[in-house]
Amino acid sequence: MKYNTKLPQLRLPEYGRNIQNMVDYCVSIPERNERTHCANTIINIMGNMFPHLRDVNDFKHILWDHLAIMADFELDIDYPYEIVKKEDLYIKPPRLPYNNGRITYKHYGKNLENMILKATEYAEGEEREQLIKLLANHMKKSFLTWNKEVVDDRKIFTDLNLLSKGQIIWDEESHKLTESKDILMKKNKNLARRQNK
């Protein structure tokens, strides 16, 4: 009795052993016209195995590429499409240039850090003050989202100073942020409203 573990490994397992056997037989046919006719028959069978993919662009082209791969590119016929080259299957794509920038405080996130640095470029004035106030309130909200405790404004201003590289110096006497309880109450109301929908 032959076990599949003793047989050669399938190149494209989704088509199964029988299709692979058909492809192997097709490669061994000596006459070119008969080989081409056999290949067309195999393509029709392969297409019938996955009828839901018929709407995919270049479905037939993909099947011919798969046939060539299953034949280990040894099937000598006139292909109706230009098939993929064997060497192109094993080319590694170039590495993606991931940004490995460190996040100082994960609960604030990288975008907030970038916005704080952008705010330091603004000229002194009302617009800069409003932007910094919005950012500081957002920092407080983010802090409360990840740390389920009341946060002191001093902590937010210290972090703001650190993230702005010392360019934004605020203190709790001259600037007031939204109260922690108000932020938590608003968050709970929004959560309750979402759950009632």
Protein backbone atom coordinates (compact mmCIF):
# COMPACT_ATOMS: atom_id res chain seq x y z
CA MET A 1 0.00 0.00 0.00
CA LYS A 2 1.32 3.47 -0.95
CA TYR A 3 1.12 6.20 1.66
CA ASN A 4 1.09 9.87 0.68
CA THR A 5 4.06 10.45 2.99
CA LYS A 6 6.14 8.12 0.77
CA LEU A 7 5.07 9.91 -2.45
CA PRO A 8 6.78 13.05 -3.81
CA GLN A 9 5.61 16.28 -2.17
CA LEU A 10 2.88 18.15 -4.07
CA ARG A 11 3.98 21.45 -5.58
CA LEU A 12 0.50 22.98 -5.20
CA PRO A 13 -1.39 20.91 -2.59
CA GLU A 14 -4.70 22.73 -3.14
CA TYR A 15 -5.19 20.81 -6.40
CA GLY A 16 -4.57 17.40 -4.85
CA ARG A 17 -2.69 14.26 -5.84
CA ASN A 18 -4.94 13.30 -8.80
CA ILE A 19 -4.39 16.59 -10.64
CA GLN A 20 -0.66 16.28 -9.98
CA ASN A 21 -0.73 12.78 -11.48
CA MET A 22 -2.55 14.15 -14.55
CA VAL A 23 0.09 16.86 -14.96
CA ASP A 24 2.90 14.31 -14.63
CA TYR A 25 1.23 12.15 -17.29
CA CYS A 26 0.79 15.21 -19.56
CA VAL A 27 4.52 15.99 -19.32
CA SER A 28 5.33 12.42 -20.40
CA ILE A 29 3.18 12.49 -23.59
CA PRO A 30 5.58 12.46 -26.59
CA GLU A 31 3.39 14.21 -29.21
CA ARG A 32 3.09 18.00 -28.81
CA ASN A 33 -0.51 18.36 -30.11
CA GLU A 34 -1.75 15.61 -27.81
CA ARG A 35 0.19 17.19 -24.91
CA THR A 36 -1.45 20.57 -25.60
CA HIS A 37 -4.91 18.96 -25.76
CA CYS A 38 -4.22 17.16 -22.44
CA ALA A 39 -3.06 20.47 -20.84
CA ASN A 40 -6.29 22.22 -21.93
CA THR A 41 -8.33 19.41 -20.38
CA ILE A 42 -6.40 19.70 -17.10
CA ILE A 43 -6.97 23.48 -17.09
CA ASN A 44 -10.74 22.91 -17.46
CA ILE A 45 -10.72 20.46 -14.55
CA MET A 46 -8.67 22.85 -12.41
CA GLY A 47 -11.15 25.65 -13.21
CA ASN A 48 -14.10 23.45 -12.21
CA MET A 49 -12.48 22.80 -8.83
CA PHE A 50 -12.71 26.49 -7.88
CA PRO A 51 -15.83 27.90 -9.63
CA HIS A 52 -16.12 30.79 -7.17
CA LEU A 53 -12.82 32.21 -8.48
CA ARG A 54 -14.03 32.56 -12.08
CA ASP A 55 -14.86 36.22 -11.47
CA VAL A 56 -11.23 36.97 -10.57
CA ASN A 57 -9.32 38.92 -13.21
CA ASP A 58 -6.93 36.73 -15.21
CA PHE A 59 -8.38 33.54 -13.72
CA LYS A 60 -7.30 31.48 -16.76
CA HIS A 61 -3.85 33.06 -16.70
CA ILE A 62 -3.44 32.06 -13.05
CA LEU A 63 -4.47 28.47 -13.88
CA TRP A 64 -1.87 28.26 -16.66
CA ASP A 65 0.78 29.58 -14.26
CA HIS A 66 -0.25 26.91 -11.74
CA LEU A 67 -0.07 24.22 -14.42
CA ALA A 68 3.48 25.29 -15.29
CA ILE A 69 4.47 25.24 -11.61
CA MET A 70 2.95 21.79 -11.09
CA ALA A 71 4.86 20.53 -14.16
CA ASP A 72 8.04 22.03 -12.70
CA PHE A 73 8.24 24.14 -15.89
CA GLU A 74 8.96 21.01 -17.98
CA LEU A 75 5.68 20.99 -19.91
CA ASP A 76 6.63 21.80 -23.51
CA ILE A 77 3.47 23.28 -25.08
CA ASP A 78 2.35 26.58 -26.62
CA TYR A 79 0.92 28.42 -23.64
CA PRO A 80 -1.94 30.84 -24.42
CA TYR A 81 -0.46 33.28 -21.88
CA GLU A 82 3.03 34.28 -20.89
CA ILE A 83 3.66 32.15 -17.84
CA VAL A 84 5.62 33.05 -14.75
CA LYS A 85 9.33 32.26 -14.88
CA LYS A 86 10.79 29.72 -12.48
CA GLU A 87 13.43 32.11 -11.18
CA ASP A 88 10.77 34.74 -10.42
CA LEU A 89 9.06 32.40 -7.93
CA TYR A 90 12.02 32.39 -5.57
CA ILE A 91 12.99 36.07 -5.62
CA LYS A 92 12.65 37.61 -2.17
CA PRO A 93 10.87 40.97 -2.09
CA PRO A 94 12.91 43.92 -0.80
CA ARG A 95 12.76 44.61 2.92
CA LEU A 96 10.16 47.13 4.04
CA PRO A 97 11.71 50.18 5.69
CA TYR A 98 9.88 50.03 9.01
CA ASN A 99 10.06 53.09 11.21
CA ASN A 100 11.69 51.97 14.44
CA GLY A 101 11.10 55.26 16.24
CA ARG A 102 10.77 54.87 19.97
CA ILE A 103 7.61 56.03 21.72
CA THR A 104 8.41 57.86 24.95
CA TYR A 105 5.03 57.18 26.56
CA LYS A 106 2.99 54.43 24.95
CA HIS A 107 -0.29 55.64 26.47
CA TYR A 108 0.06 58.93 24.55
CA GLY A 109 1.16 57.36 21.27
CA LYS A 110 3.51 58.52 18.53
CA ASN A 111 0.97 60.77 16.78
CA LEU A 112 0.44 62.88 19.89
CA GLU A 113 4.22 63.19 20.32
CA ASN A 114 4.51 64.41 16.72
CA MET A 115 1.68 66.92 17.23
CA ILE A 116 3.39 68.31 20.34
CA LEU A 117 6.64 68.78 18.39
CA LYS A 118 4.65 70.49 15.62
CA ALA A 119 3.02 72.80 18.19
CA THR A 120 6.47 73.99 19.29
CA GLU A 121 7.00 75.39 15.77
CA TYR A 122 4.00 77.75 16.12
CA ALA A 123 4.72 81.40 16.95
CA GLU A 124 3.75 82.62 20.41
CA GLY A 125 0.13 83.69 20.52
CA GLU A 126 -3.50 82.68 21.01
CA GLU A 127 -3.45 79.95 18.34
CA ARG A 128 -0.44 78.22 19.92
CA GLU A 129 -2.00 78.44 23.40
CA GLN A 130 -5.27 76.87 22.19
CA LEU A 131 -3.43 74.09 20.37
CA ILE A 132 -1.31 73.27 23.44
CA LYS A 133 -4.42 73.29 25.64
CA LEU A 134 -6.16 70.84 23.29
CA LEU A 135 -3.09 68.61 23.25
CA ALA A 136 -2.75 68.71 27.05
CA ASN A 137 -6.43 67.78 27.51
CA HIS A 138 -6.01 64.96 25.01
CA MET A 139 -2.95 63.77 26.92
CA LYS A 140 -5.00 63.72 30.10
CA LYS A 141 -7.79 61.78 28.38
CA SER A 142 -5.27 59.26 26.97
CA PHE A 143 -3.65 58.90 30.38
CA LEU A 144 -7.04 58.16 31.98
CA THR A 145 -7.91 55.66 29.23
CA TRP A 146 -4.87 53.50 29.95
CA ASN A 147 -4.41 54.27 33.66
CA LYS A 148 -7.68 53.88 35.56
CA GLU A 149 -6.76 56.44 38.18
CA VAL A 150 -7.12 60.17 38.63
CA VAL A 151 -4.23 62.08 37.13
CA ASP A 152 -2.80 65.29 38.46
CA ASP A 153 -2.34 68.15 35.98
CA ARG A 154 1.27 68.45 37.16
CA LYS A 155 1.99 65.02 35.64
CA ILE A 156 0.49 66.10 32.29
CA PHE A 157 2.50 69.35 32.28
CA THR A 158 5.70 67.49 33.19
CA ASP A 159 5.14 65.03 30.33
CA LEU A 160 4.28 67.91 27.97
CA ASN A 161 7.54 69.62 28.89
CA LEU A 162 9.49 66.40 28.31
CA LEU A 163 7.78 65.58 24.97
CA SER A 164 8.29 69.14 23.69
CA LYS A 165 12.00 68.94 24.63
CA GLY A 166 11.61 71.79 27.12
CA GLN A 167 9.94 74.19 24.69
CA ILE A 168 6.50 74.11 26.33
CA ILE A 169 6.55 74.98 30.01
CA TRP A 170 3.14 75.10 31.64
CA ASP A 171 2.09 74.86 35.27
CA GLU A 172 -1.19 74.13 37.02
CA GLU A 173 -1.44 77.63 38.53
CA SER A 174 -1.60 79.47 35.20
CA HIS A 175 -3.37 76.79 33.10
CA LYS A 176 -6.40 74.66 33.95
CA LEU A 177 -7.25 71.39 32.22
CA THR A 178 -10.56 69.52 32.18
CA GLU A 179 -11.22 67.75 35.48
CA SER A 180 -10.50 63.99 35.56
CA LYS A 181 -13.99 63.22 36.85
CA ASP A 182 -15.55 65.14 33.92
CA ILE A 183 -13.46 63.19 31.41
CA LEU A 184 -14.39 59.87 33.04
CA MET A 185 -18.08 60.83 33.28
CA LYS A 186 -18.19 61.78 29.58
CA LYS A 187 -16.41 58.55 28.66
CA ASN A 188 -18.93 56.50 30.68
CA LYS A 189 -21.88 58.32 29.05
CA ASN A 190 -20.50 57.62 25.58
CA LEU A 191 -19.95 53.97 26.49
CA ALA A 192 -23.52 53.63 27.84
CA ARG A 193 -24.93 55.30 24.72
CA ARG A 194 -23.05 52.85 22.46
CA GLN A 195 -24.29 49.87 24.46
CA ASN A 196 -27.94 51.02 24.28
CA LYS A 197 -27.87 51.22 20.46
